[in-house]
C-alpha atoms as a PDB file:
ATOM      1  CA  MET A   1     -16.798  -1.803 -30.205  1.00  0.00           C
ATOM      2  CA  PRO A   2     -14.483  -4.483 -31.828  1.00  0.00           C
ATOM      3  CA  ALA A   3     -15.039  -8.149 -31.787  1.00  0.00           C
ATOM      4  CA  PRO A   4     -14.601  -9.400 -28.669  1.00  0.00           C
ATOM      5  CA  SER A   5     -11.531 -10.980 -28.069  1.00  0.00           C
ATOM      6  CA  LEU A   6     -10.973 -14.500 -25.656  1.00  0.00           C
ATOM      7  CA  ASP A   7      -8.079 -12.787 -24.303  1.00  0.00           C
ATOM      8  CA  ASN A   8     -10.647 -11.769 -21.523  1.00  0.00           C
ATOM      9  CA  PRO A   9     -12.606 -15.224 -21.470  1.00  0.00           C
ATOM     10  CA  LEU A  10     -14.307 -13.640 -17.739  1.00  0.00           C
ATOM     11  CA  ARG A  11     -16.107 -11.092 -19.888  1.00  0.00           C
ATOM     12  CA  PHE A  12     -16.248 -12.507 -23.533  1.00  0.00           C
ATOM     13  CA  GLY A  13     -20.098 -13.541 -22.724  1.00  0.00           C
ATOM     14  CA  VAL A  14     -21.200 -10.274 -21.461  1.00  0.00           C
ATOM     15  CA  GLN A  15     -19.356  -8.253 -24.405  1.00  0.00           C
ATOM     16  CA  SER A  16     -20.372 -10.821 -26.876  1.00  0.00           C
ATOM     17  CA  LEU A  17     -24.079  -9.640 -26.194  1.00  0.00           C
ATOM     18  CA  MET A  18     -23.106  -6.500 -26.374  1.00  0.00           C
ATOM     19  CA  TYR A  19     -21.198  -7.012 -29.848  1.00  0.00           C
ATOM     20  CA  ALA A  20     -24.496  -8.777 -31.056  1.00  0.00           C
ATOM     21  CA  GLN A  21     -26.915  -6.003 -29.895  1.00  0.00           C
ATOM     22  CA  GLU A  22     -25.023  -3.065 -31.941  1.00  0.00           C
ATOM     23  CA  LEU A  23     -24.539  -5.449 -35.018  1.00  0.00           C
ATOM     24  CA  ALA A  24     -28.138  -5.969 -34.672  1.00  0.00           C
ATOM     25  CA  ALA A  25     -29.076  -2.758 -34.188  1.00  0.00           C
ATOM     26  CA  ALA A  26     -26.968  -1.756 -37.300  1.00  0.00           C
ATOM     27  CA  GLY A  27     -28.867  -4.284 -39.183  1.00  0.00           C
ATOM     28  CA  ASN A  28     -26.516  -7.055 -38.970  1.00  0.00           C
ATOM     29  CA  ALA A  29     -28.258  -9.758 -38.373  1.00  0.00           C
ATOM     30  CA  ASN A  30     -26.373 -12.446 -39.424  1.00  0.00           C
ATOM     31  CA  ASP A  31     -23.014 -11.112 -38.125  1.00  0.00           C
ATOM     32  CA  ALA A  32     -25.239 -10.519 -34.864  1.00  0.00           C
ATOM     33  CA  LEU A  33     -25.922 -14.077 -34.305  1.00  0.00           C
ATOM     34  CA  ALA A  34     -22.506 -15.143 -35.905  1.00  0.00           C
ATOM     35  CA  ALA A  35     -21.265 -13.425 -32.587  1.00  0.00           C
ATOM     36  CA  LEU A  36     -23.591 -14.785 -30.207  1.00  0.00           C
ATOM     37  CA  GLU A  37     -23.458 -18.539 -31.292  1.00  0.00           C
ATOM     38  CA  ARG A  38     -19.265 -18.301 -31.519  1.00  0.00           C
ATOM     39  CA  ALA A  39     -20.190 -16.876 -27.463  1.00  0.00           C
ATOM     40  CA  VAL A  40     -22.119 -20.159 -26.776  1.00  0.00           C
ATOM     41  CA  ALA A  41     -19.678 -22.235 -28.449  1.00  0.00           C
ATOM     42  CA  GLN A  42     -16.920 -21.130 -25.952  1.00  0.00           C
ATOM     43  CA  GLY A  43     -19.464 -22.061 -22.942  1.00  0.00           C
ATOM     44  CA  CYS A  44     -21.306 -18.764 -22.437  1.00  0.00           C
ATOM     45  CA  ARG A  45     -25.298 -18.726 -21.130  1.00  0.00           C
ATOM     46  CA  TYR A  46     -27.666 -16.517 -21.054  1.00  0.00           C
ATOM     47  CA  LYS A  47     -30.875 -16.072 -19.098  1.00  0.00           C
ATOM     48  CA  LYS A  48     -33.972 -16.346 -21.609  1.00  0.00           C
ATOM     49  CA  GLU A  49     -34.593 -12.788 -20.835  1.00  0.00           C
ATOM     50  CA  TRP A  50     -31.345 -11.254 -21.876  1.00  0.00           C
ATOM     51  CA  LEU A  51     -32.091 -12.307 -25.139  1.00  0.00           C
ATOM     52  CA  ALA A  52     -35.567 -13.152 -26.273  1.00  0.00           C
ATOM     53  CA  GLU A  53     -37.161 -10.063 -24.964  1.00  0.00           C
ATOM     54  CA  ASN A  54     -34.276  -7.860 -25.671  1.00  0.00           C
ATOM     55  CA  PRO A  55     -35.000  -5.029 -27.702  1.00  0.00           C
ATOM     56  CA  LYS A  56     -31.802  -4.150 -29.119  1.00  0.00           C
ATOM     57  CA  LEU A  57     -32.560  -7.674 -30.519  1.00  0.00           C
ATOM     58  CA  ALA A  58     -35.655  -7.812 -32.009  1.00  0.00           C
ATOM     59  CA  SER A  59     -34.213  -7.979 -35.488  1.00  0.00           C
ATOM     60  CA  LEU A  60     -33.386 -11.524 -34.266  1.00  0.00           C
ATOM     61  CA  ALA A  61     -36.853 -12.648 -33.173  1.00  0.00           C
ATOM     62  CA  GLY A  62     -39.115 -15.183 -35.112  1.00  0.00           C
ATOM     63  CA  THR A  63     -35.702 -16.568 -37.043  1.00  0.00           C
ATOM     64  CA  PRO A  64     -34.985 -20.364 -36.537  1.00  0.00           C
ATOM     65  CA  ARG A  65     -31.773 -19.871 -35.829  1.00  0.00           C
ATOM     66  CA  PHE A  66     -31.761 -17.120 -33.112  1.00  0.00           C
ATOM     67  CA  ALA A  67     -34.933 -19.004 -30.980  1.00  0.00           C
ATOM     68  CA  GLU A  68     -32.257 -22.216 -31.406  1.00  0.00           C
ATOM     69  CA  LEU A  69     -30.075 -20.309 -29.987  1.00  0.00           C
ATOM     70  CA  VAL A  70     -32.360 -18.980 -27.058  1.00  0.00           C
ATOM     71  CA  LYS A  71     -32.759 -22.435 -26.281  1.00  0.00           C
ATOM     72  CA  VAL A  72     -29.306 -23.298 -25.977  1.00  0.00           C
ATOM     73  CA  ALA A  73     -28.170 -20.952 -23.897  1.00  0.00           C
ATOM     74  CA  SER A  74     -30.976 -20.507 -21.534  1.00  0.00           C
ATOM     75  CA  ALA A  75     -30.525 -24.414 -20.811  1.00  0.00           C
ATOM     76  CA  ARG A  76     -26.963 -23.628 -19.817  1.00  0.00           C
ATOM     77  CA  TYR A  77     -27.650 -20.774 -18.146  1.00  0.00           C
ATOM     78  CA  ASP A  78     -30.480 -22.833 -15.638  1.00  0.00           C
ATOM     79  CA  GLU A  79     -28.192 -25.482 -15.041  1.00  0.00           C
ATOM     80  CA  ALA A  80     -25.087 -23.305 -14.308  1.00  0.00           C
ATOM     81  CA  ALA A  81     -27.335 -21.235 -12.223  1.00  0.00           C
ATOM     82  CA  ALA A  82     -28.789 -24.486 -10.236  1.00  0.00           C
ATOM     83  CA  ALA A  83     -25.618 -25.941  -9.463  1.00  0.00           C
ATOM     84  CA  ALA A  84     -23.620 -22.708  -8.207  1.00  0.00           C
ATOM     85  CA  LYS A  85     -22.721 -22.659  -4.336  1.00  0.00           C
ATOM     86  CA  PRO A  86     -21.473 -20.105  -1.902  1.00  0.00           C
ATOM     87  CA  HIS A  87     -17.856 -19.694  -2.235  1.00  0.00           C
ATOM     88  CA  LEU A  88     -15.413 -18.308   0.496  1.00  0.00           C
ATOM     89  CA  THR A  89     -12.006 -17.311  -0.145  1.00  0.00           C
ATOM     90  CA  PHE A  90      -9.618 -16.682   3.489  1.00  0.00           C
ATOM     91  CA  LEU A  91      -6.383 -15.010   3.567  1.00  0.00           C
ATOM     92  CA  MET A  92      -5.230 -15.213   7.017  1.00  0.00           C
ATOM     93  CA  PRO A  93      -2.898 -13.170   8.638  1.00  0.00           C
ATOM     94  CA  ASP A  94       0.537 -15.184  10.195  1.00  0.00           C
ATOM     95  CA  ARG A  95       0.397 -13.390  13.748  1.00  0.00           C
ATOM     96  CA  LEU A  96      -1.760 -14.392  16.583  1.00  0.00           C
ATOM     97  CA  PRO A  97      -5.312 -11.903  16.803  1.00  0.00           C
ATOM     98  CA  ASP A  98      -4.898  -9.140  19.642  1.00  0.00           C
ATOM     99  CA  ALA A  99      -7.124  -9.264  22.520  1.00  0.00           C
ATOM    100  CA  PHE A 100     -10.222  -7.871  20.615  1.00  0.00           C
ATOM    101  CA  GLY A 101      -9.735 -10.534  17.388  1.00  0.00           C
ATOM    102  CA  TYR A 102      -9.012 -10.053  13.748  1.00  0.00           C
ATOM    103  CA  PRO A 103     -10.442  -6.859  12.379  1.00  0.00           C
ATOM    104  CA  LEU A 104     -12.245  -8.475   9.178  1.00  0.00           C
ATOM    105  CA  LEU A 105     -11.819  -7.123   5.482  1.00  0.00           C
ATOM    106  CA  MET A 106     -14.775  -8.820   3.185  1.00  0.00           C
ATOM    107  CA  VAL A 107     -14.049  -7.916  -0.224  1.00  0.00           C
ATOM    108  CA  LEU A 108     -17.238  -8.305  -3.192  1.00  0.00           C
ATOM    109  CA  HIS A 109     -15.446  -8.907  -6.274  1.00  0.00           C
ATOM    110  CA  GLY A 110     -16.761  -6.609  -9.058  1.00  0.00           C
ATOM    111  CA  ASN A 111     -19.780  -8.173 -11.844  1.00  0.00           C
ATOM    112  CA  ASN A 112     -18.300 -10.946 -14.180  1.00  0.00           C
ATOM    113  CA  SER A 113     -15.078 -11.731 -12.515  1.00  0.00           C
ATOM    114  CA  ASN A 114     -14.887 -14.136  -9.406  1.00  0.00           C
ATOM    115  CA  ALA A 115     -13.074 -14.429  -6.147  1.00  0.00           C
ATOM    116  CA  ALA A 116      -9.751 -16.211  -7.553  1.00  0.00           C
ATOM    117  CA  GLU A 117      -9.104 -13.221 -10.525  1.00  0.00           C
ATOM    118  CA  THR A 118      -9.772 -10.984  -7.089  1.00  0.00           C
ATOM    119  CA  ALA A 119      -7.807 -11.947  -4.332  1.00  0.00           C
ATOM    120  CA  PRO A 120      -4.618 -11.059  -5.658  1.00  0.00           C
ATOM    121  CA  HIS A 121      -5.709  -7.145  -5.775  1.00  0.00           C
ATOM    122  CA  TRP A 122      -6.608  -7.481  -1.628  1.00  0.00           C
ATOM    123  CA  ALA A 123      -4.374 -10.288  -0.686  1.00  0.00           C
ATOM    124  CA  SER A 124      -1.512  -7.586   0.612  1.00  0.00           C
ATOM    125  CA  MET A 125      -3.757  -6.771   3.638  1.00  0.00           C
ATOM    126  CA  ALA A 126      -3.186 -10.339   5.366  1.00  0.00           C
ATOM    127  CA  ASP A 127       0.462  -9.354   6.009  1.00  0.00           C
ATOM    128  CA  GLN A 128      -0.971  -6.305   7.795  1.00  0.00           C
ATOM    129  CA  GLY A 129      -2.516  -8.431  10.323  1.00  0.00           C
ATOM    130  CA  TRP A 130      -6.261  -8.191   8.631  1.00  0.00           C
ATOM    131  CA  LEU A 131      -8.226 -11.251   7.544  1.00  0.00           C
ATOM    132  CA  VAL A 132      -9.253 -11.125   4.363  1.00  0.00           C
ATOM    133  CA  ALA A 133     -12.396 -12.785   3.181  1.00  0.00           C
ATOM    134  CA  ILE A 134     -13.490 -13.053  -0.640  1.00  0.00           C
ATOM    135  CA  PRO A 135     -17.163 -14.368  -0.806  1.00  0.00           C
ATOM    136  CA  GLN A 136     -18.373 -15.021  -4.496  1.00  0.00           C
ATOM    137  CA  SER A 137     -21.645 -15.114  -5.795  1.00  0.00           C
ATOM    138  CA  THR A 138     -23.815 -17.847  -6.934  1.00  0.00           C
ATOM    139  CA  GLU A 139     -25.636 -15.324  -9.003  1.00  0.00           C
ATOM    140  CA  ILE A 140     -23.399 -16.308 -12.303  1.00  0.00           C
ATOM    141  CA  GLY A 141     -22.839 -14.197 -15.072  1.00  0.00           C
ATOM    142  CA  ALA A 142     -22.784 -14.825 -18.987  1.00  0.00           C
ATOM    143  CA  SER A 143     -19.167 -16.252 -19.139  1.00  0.00           C
ATOM    144  CA  PRO A 144     -17.882 -19.764 -17.461  1.00  0.00           C
ATOM    145  CA  ASP A 145     -16.421 -18.969 -14.011  1.00  0.00           C
ATOM    146  CA  ALA A 146     -18.279 -15.255 -13.814  1.00  0.00           C
ATOM    147  CA  TYR A 147     -20.267 -14.273 -11.109  1.00  0.00           C
ATOM    148  CA  THR A 148     -22.620 -10.761 -10.302  1.00  0.00           C
ATOM    149  CA  TRP A 149     -24.109  -9.335  -7.469  1.00  0.00           C
ATOM    150  CA  ASN A 150     -27.044  -7.466  -9.151  1.00  0.00           C
ATOM    151  CA  ASP A 151     -29.724  -8.675  -6.570  1.00  0.00           C
ATOM    152  CA  ARG A 152     -28.951  -6.619  -3.362  1.00  0.00           C
ATOM    153  CA  GLU A 153     -31.023  -8.530  -1.500  1.00  0.00           C
ATOM    154  CA  ARG A 154     -29.179 -12.352  -2.363  1.00  0.00           C
ATOM    155  CA  THR A 155     -26.101 -10.236  -1.863  1.00  0.00           C
ATOM    156  CA  ALA A 156     -26.982  -9.291   1.957  1.00  0.00           C
ATOM    157  CA  THR A 157     -27.795 -13.090   2.425  1.00  0.00           C
ATOM    158  CA  GLU A 158     -25.062 -14.185   1.274  1.00  0.00           C
ATOM    159  CA  LEU A 159     -22.548 -11.738   2.687  1.00  0.00           C
ATOM    160  CA  ASP A 160     -25.122 -12.925   5.982  1.00  0.00           C
ATOM    161  CA  LEU A 161     -23.964 -16.811   5.605  1.00  0.00           C
ATOM    162  CA  GLN A 162     -20.051 -16.140   4.897  1.00  0.00           C
ATOM    163  CA  LEU A 163     -19.751 -13.588   8.114  1.00  0.00           C
ATOM    164  CA  GLU A 164     -21.344 -15.987   9.981  1.00  0.00           C
ATOM    165  CA  ARG A 165     -18.675 -18.664   8.373  1.00  0.00           C
ATOM    166  CA  VAL A 166     -15.834 -16.431   9.435  1.00  0.00           C
ATOM    167  CA  GLY A 167     -16.801 -15.704  13.112  1.00  0.00           C
ATOM    168  CA  ARG A 168     -16.968 -19.643  13.399  1.00  0.00           C
ATOM    169  CA  ALA A 169     -13.457 -20.243  12.025  1.00  0.00           C
ATOM    170  CA  THR A 170     -11.763 -17.301  14.270  1.00  0.00           C
ATOM    171  CA  GLN A 171     -12.054 -14.752  16.533  1.00  0.00           C
ATOM    172  CA  ILE A 172     -13.295 -11.018  14.618  1.00  0.00           C
ATOM    173  CA  ASP A 173     -13.061  -7.675  16.045  1.00  0.00           C
ATOM    174  CA  ALA A 174     -16.652  -6.295  15.404  1.00  0.00           C
ATOM    175  CA  SER A 175     -15.414  -2.605  15.474  1.00  0.00           C
ATOM    176  CA  ARG A 176     -12.942  -3.625  12.956  1.00  0.00           C
ATOM    177  CA  ILE A 177     -15.296  -4.799   9.852  1.00  0.00           C
ATOM    178  CA  VAL A 178     -14.992  -3.326   6.407  1.00  0.00           C
ATOM    179  CA  ILE A 179     -16.978  -3.970   3.535  1.00  0.00           C
ATOM    180  CA  ALA A 180     -14.885  -3.048  -0.168  1.00  0.00           C
ATOM    181  CA  GLY A 181     -15.681  -4.028  -3.293  1.00  0.00           C
ATOM    182  CA  PHE A 182     -14.814  -3.523  -7.033  1.00  0.00           C
ATOM    183  CA  SER A 183     -17.009  -2.007  -9.292  1.00  0.00           C
ATOM    184  CA  MET A 184     -20.548  -3.547  -8.796  1.00  0.00           C
ATOM    185  CA  GLY A 185     -19.341  -5.254  -5.630  1.00  0.00           C
ATOM    186  CA  GLY A 186     -17.918  -1.734  -4.439  1.00  0.00           C
ATOM    187  CA  THR A 187     -21.552   0.004  -5.278  1.00  0.00           C
ATOM    188  CA  GLN A 188     -23.254  -2.987  -3.264  1.00  0.00           C
ATOM    189  CA  ALA A 189     -20.442  -2.563  -0.260  1.00  0.00           C
ATOM    190  CA  ILE A 190     -21.376   1.130   0.013  1.00  0.00           C
ATOM    191  CA  ALA A 191     -25.248   0.160  -0.191  1.00  0.00           C
ATOM    192  CA  LEU A 192     -25.346  -2.577   2.036  1.00  0.00           C
ATOM    193  CA  THR A 193     -22.957  -0.863   5.118  1.00  0.00           C
ATOM    194  CA  LEU A 194     -25.113   2.569   4.193  1.00  0.00           C
ATOM    195  CA  THR A 195     -28.415   1.035   5.092  1.00  0.00           C
ATOM    196  CA  LYS A 196     -26.598  -1.230   7.986  1.00  0.00           C
ATOM    197  CA  ARG A 197     -28.026  -4.195   6.191  1.00  0.00           C
ATOM    198  CA  ILE A 198     -24.312  -5.556   7.296  1.00  0.00           C
ATOM    199  CA  LYS A 199     -23.175  -4.020  10.327  1.00  0.00           C
ATOM    200  CA  ALA A 200     -19.343  -2.953   9.755  1.00  0.00           C
ATOM    201  CA  ARG A 201     -17.390   0.280  10.816  1.00  0.00           C
ATOM    202  CA  GLY A 202     -16.629   1.495   6.982  1.00  0.00           C
ATOM    203  CA  PHE A 203     -16.914   0.800   3.699  1.00  0.00           C
ATOM    204  CA  LEU A 204     -14.158   0.880   0.737  1.00  0.00           C
ATOM    205  CA  ALA A 205     -15.461   1.466  -2.725  1.00  0.00           C
ATOM    206  CA  VAL A 206     -12.586   0.966  -5.775  1.00  0.00           C
ATOM    207  CA  CYS A 207     -14.487   2.036  -8.790  1.00  0.00           C
ATOM    208  CA  ALA A 208     -17.757   1.993  -7.411  1.00  0.00           C
ATOM    209  CA  TRP A 209     -20.229   1.943 -10.250  1.00  0.00           C
ATOM    210  CA  LEU A 210     -22.202   5.152  -9.779  1.00  0.00           C
ATOM    211  CA  PRO A 211     -24.042   6.105 -12.520  1.00  0.00           C
ATOM    212  CA  HIS A 212     -26.350   8.181 -10.095  1.00  0.00           C
ATOM    213  CA  ILE A 213     -26.525   8.414  -6.327  1.00  0.00           C
ATOM    214  CA  ARG A 214     -30.068   9.024  -5.384  1.00  0.00           C
ATOM    215  CA  GLU A 215     -30.433   5.957  -3.431  1.00  0.00           C
ATOM    216  CA  PHE A 216     -27.677   6.830  -1.370  1.00  0.00           C
ATOM    217  CA  ALA A 217     -28.680  10.771  -0.908  1.00  0.00           C
ATOM    218  CA  THR A 218     -32.080   9.734   0.277  1.00  0.00           C
ATOM    219  CA  LEU A 219     -30.544   7.605   2.762  1.00  0.00           C
ATOM    220  CA  VAL A 220     -28.311  10.113   3.592  1.00  0.00           C
ATOM    221  CA  GLU A 221     -30.598  12.741   3.874  1.00  0.00           C
ATOM    222  CA  ALA A 222     -32.861  10.341   6.100  1.00  0.00           C
ATOM    223  CA  GLY A 223     -29.937  10.383   8.900  1.00  0.00           C
ATOM    224  CA  ALA A 224     -28.240   7.121   7.312  1.00  0.00           C
ATOM    225  CA  GLY A 225     -24.193   6.831   7.869  1.00  0.00           C
ATOM    226  CA  LYS A 226     -24.110   8.203  10.902  1.00  0.00           C
ATOM    227  CA  MET A 227     -21.572   6.405  12.405  1.00  0.00           C
ATOM    228  CA  LEU A 228     -19.873   5.145   8.877  1.00  0.00           C
ATOM    229  CA  ARG A 229     -16.335   5.855   7.224  1.00  0.00           C
ATOM    230  CA  GLY A 230     -16.053   5.584   3.506  1.00  0.00           C
ATOM    231  CA  TYR A 231     -13.132   5.373   1.437  1.00  0.00           C
ATOM    232  CA  VAL A 232     -13.782   5.523  -2.258  1.00  0.00           C
ATOM    233  CA  LEU A 233     -11.345   5.412  -4.595  1.00  0.00           C
ATOM    234  CA  VAL A 234     -12.204   6.033  -8.268  1.00  0.00           C
ATOM    235  CA  GLY A 235     -10.277   6.690 -11.827  1.00  0.00           C
ATOM    236  CA  GLU A 236     -10.309  10.620 -13.895  1.00  0.00           C
ATOM    237  CA  ASN A 237     -11.683   8.409 -16.935  1.00  0.00           C
ATOM    238  CA  ASP A 238     -13.657   6.139 -14.835  1.00  0.00           C
ATOM    239  CA  PRO A 239     -17.315   6.336 -16.255  1.00  0.00           C
ATOM    240  CA  SER A 240     -18.660   7.174 -12.295  1.00  0.00           C
ATOM    241  CA  ARG A 241     -15.942   9.841 -11.507  1.00  0.00           C
ATOM    242  CA  ALA A 242     -18.819  12.109 -11.352  1.00  0.00           C
ATOM    243  CA  GLY A 243     -20.986   9.813  -9.037  1.00  0.00           C
ATOM    244  CA  ALA A 244     -18.042   8.873  -6.980  1.00  0.00           C
ATOM    245  CA  ALA A 245     -16.960  12.929  -5.917  1.00  0.00           C
ATOM    246  CA  ALA A 246     -20.700  13.535  -5.599  1.00  0.00           C
ATOM    247  CA  LEU A 247     -20.936  10.813  -3.050  1.00  0.00           C
ATOM    248  CA  VAL A 248     -18.293  12.057  -0.838  1.00  0.00           C
ATOM    249  CA  ASP A 249     -19.562  15.630  -1.437  1.00  0.00           C
ATOM    250  CA  LEU A 250     -23.116  14.153   0.003  1.00  0.00           C
ATOM    251  CA  PHE A 251     -21.384  12.821   2.760  1.00  0.00           C
ATOM    252  CA  THR A 252     -19.424  15.722   3.655  1.00  0.00           C
ATOM    253  CA  LYS A 253     -22.277  18.046   3.448  1.00  0.00           C
ATOM    254  CA  HIS A 254     -23.880  15.987   6.464  1.00  0.00           C
ATOM    255  CA  LYS A 255     -21.242  15.585   8.082  1.00  0.00           C
ATOM    256  CA  LEU A 256     -20.208  12.074   7.419  1.00  0.00           C
ATOM    257  CA  LYS A 257     -16.862  10.764   6.944  1.00  0.00           C
ATOM    258  CA  ALA A 258     -15.613   9.860   3.800  1.00  0.00           C
ATOM    259  CA  GLN A 259     -12.993  10.544   1.615  1.00  0.00           C
ATOM    260  CA  LEU A 260     -12.235  10.595  -2.088  1.00  0.00           C
ATOM    261  CA  ASP A 261      -9.114   9.340  -3.623  1.00  0.00           C
ATOM    262  CA  LEU A 262      -9.166  10.118  -7.540  1.00  0.00           C
ATOM    263  CA  ARG A 263      -6.342   8.645  -9.581  1.00  0.00           C
ATOM    264  CA  PRO A 264      -5.225  10.646 -12.805  1.00  0.00           C
ATOM    265  CA  GLY A 265      -5.141   8.464 -15.514  1.00  0.00           C
ATOM    266  CA  LEU A 266      -7.042   5.314 -14.059  1.00  0.00           C
ATOM    267  CA  GLY A 267      -9.933   4.230 -15.743  1.00  0.00           C
ATOM    268  CA  HIS A 268     -12.427   1.426 -14.384  1.00  0.00           C
ATOM    269  CA  ASP A 269      -9.187  -0.771 -13.180  1.00  0.00           C
ATOM    270  CA  TYR A 270      -7.517  -0.916 -10.259  1.00  0.00           C
ATOM    271  CA  PRO A 271      -4.468   1.241  -9.168  1.00  0.00           C
ATOM    272  CA  ASP A 272      -1.335   0.006  -9.285  1.00  0.00           C
ATOM    273  CA  ASP A 273      -0.095   0.524  -5.963  1.00  0.00           C
ATOM    274  CA  MET A 274      -3.086  -0.958  -4.053  1.00  0.00           C
ATOM    275  CA  PRO A 275      -1.254  -2.224  -1.032  1.00  0.00           C
ATOM    276  CA  ALA A 276      -0.230   1.796   0.275  1.00  0.00           C
ATOM    277  CA  THR A 277      -4.001   2.525  -1.432  1.00  0.00           C
ATOM    278  CA  LEU A 278      -5.321  -0.348   1.498  1.00  0.00           C
ATOM    279  CA  GLU A 279      -2.871   0.470   4.239  1.00  0.00           C
ATOM    280  CA  LYS A 280      -4.293   4.338   3.929  1.00  0.00           C
ATOM    281  CA  ALA A 281      -7.902   3.427   2.804  1.00  0.00           C
ATOM    282  CA  LEU A 282      -8.469   0.882   6.048  1.00  0.00           C
ATOM    283  CA  ALA A 283      -6.727   3.253   8.311  1.00  0.00           C
ATOM    284  CA  PHE A 284      -9.005   5.911   7.284  1.00  0.00           C
ATOM    285  CA  ALA A 285     -12.413   3.720   7.286  1.00  0.00           C
ATOM    286  CA  THR A 286     -11.071   2.423  10.934  1.00  0.00           C
ATOM    287  CA  SER A 287      -9.737   5.434  12.637  1.00  0.00           C
END
């Protein structure tokens, strides 16, 4: 892979780690260390185990230079993790709610992203009468201002908190709650609604990270998801294309409501027509 660029600062930390792993595996220990030192100089932070217990960086272990790098990067990570607080972005409709309350679209950002980067892709639904709520994880990523949703139970606990905050702020129609997300946020949206850990009418997953669907197959085959509606969008060039198709096939096989939206030419990214896509997807998820 090419050297990471600062043009994408939220992904710079994780890309630098992947780049260092490739260099170390190729025997370029000095260049691998330089890549990580550059990342740390830009404010990136790494859990101790991401470096010291990383088998792909084993060739760097035992050197004073690597030991100092681990010390600085992990101390910075621990400090940032301790300081992280729950954050929620609200996008309110201009119109008043109907007799049942506002429909709610709860959106989970992707890994190594945040609410500010995510909001513009989903904001159009506020103009269509939806309350759009975008929680920002407290599980920090490698880059400054980057957050992740890797811990399932932590994600659920934080969503419980944010749903409570939304409910205190305004009237929500509990029959029209959709949990959505991009990449790992999409994966968690599927999992949390399918297990009923978060009660919702449906899920909307955009390029969910689905290297396999074993967990979901077990749940569906055991009877989960009977009242759930799922809309799964994936690009034909996305690494999880096969997983997305298999998930919808699984739902269909068990007579559950799911729709696959396969986009030609799209990779692991949002489609250009998100406003129109969201209208169609949310109509399906709440019908």
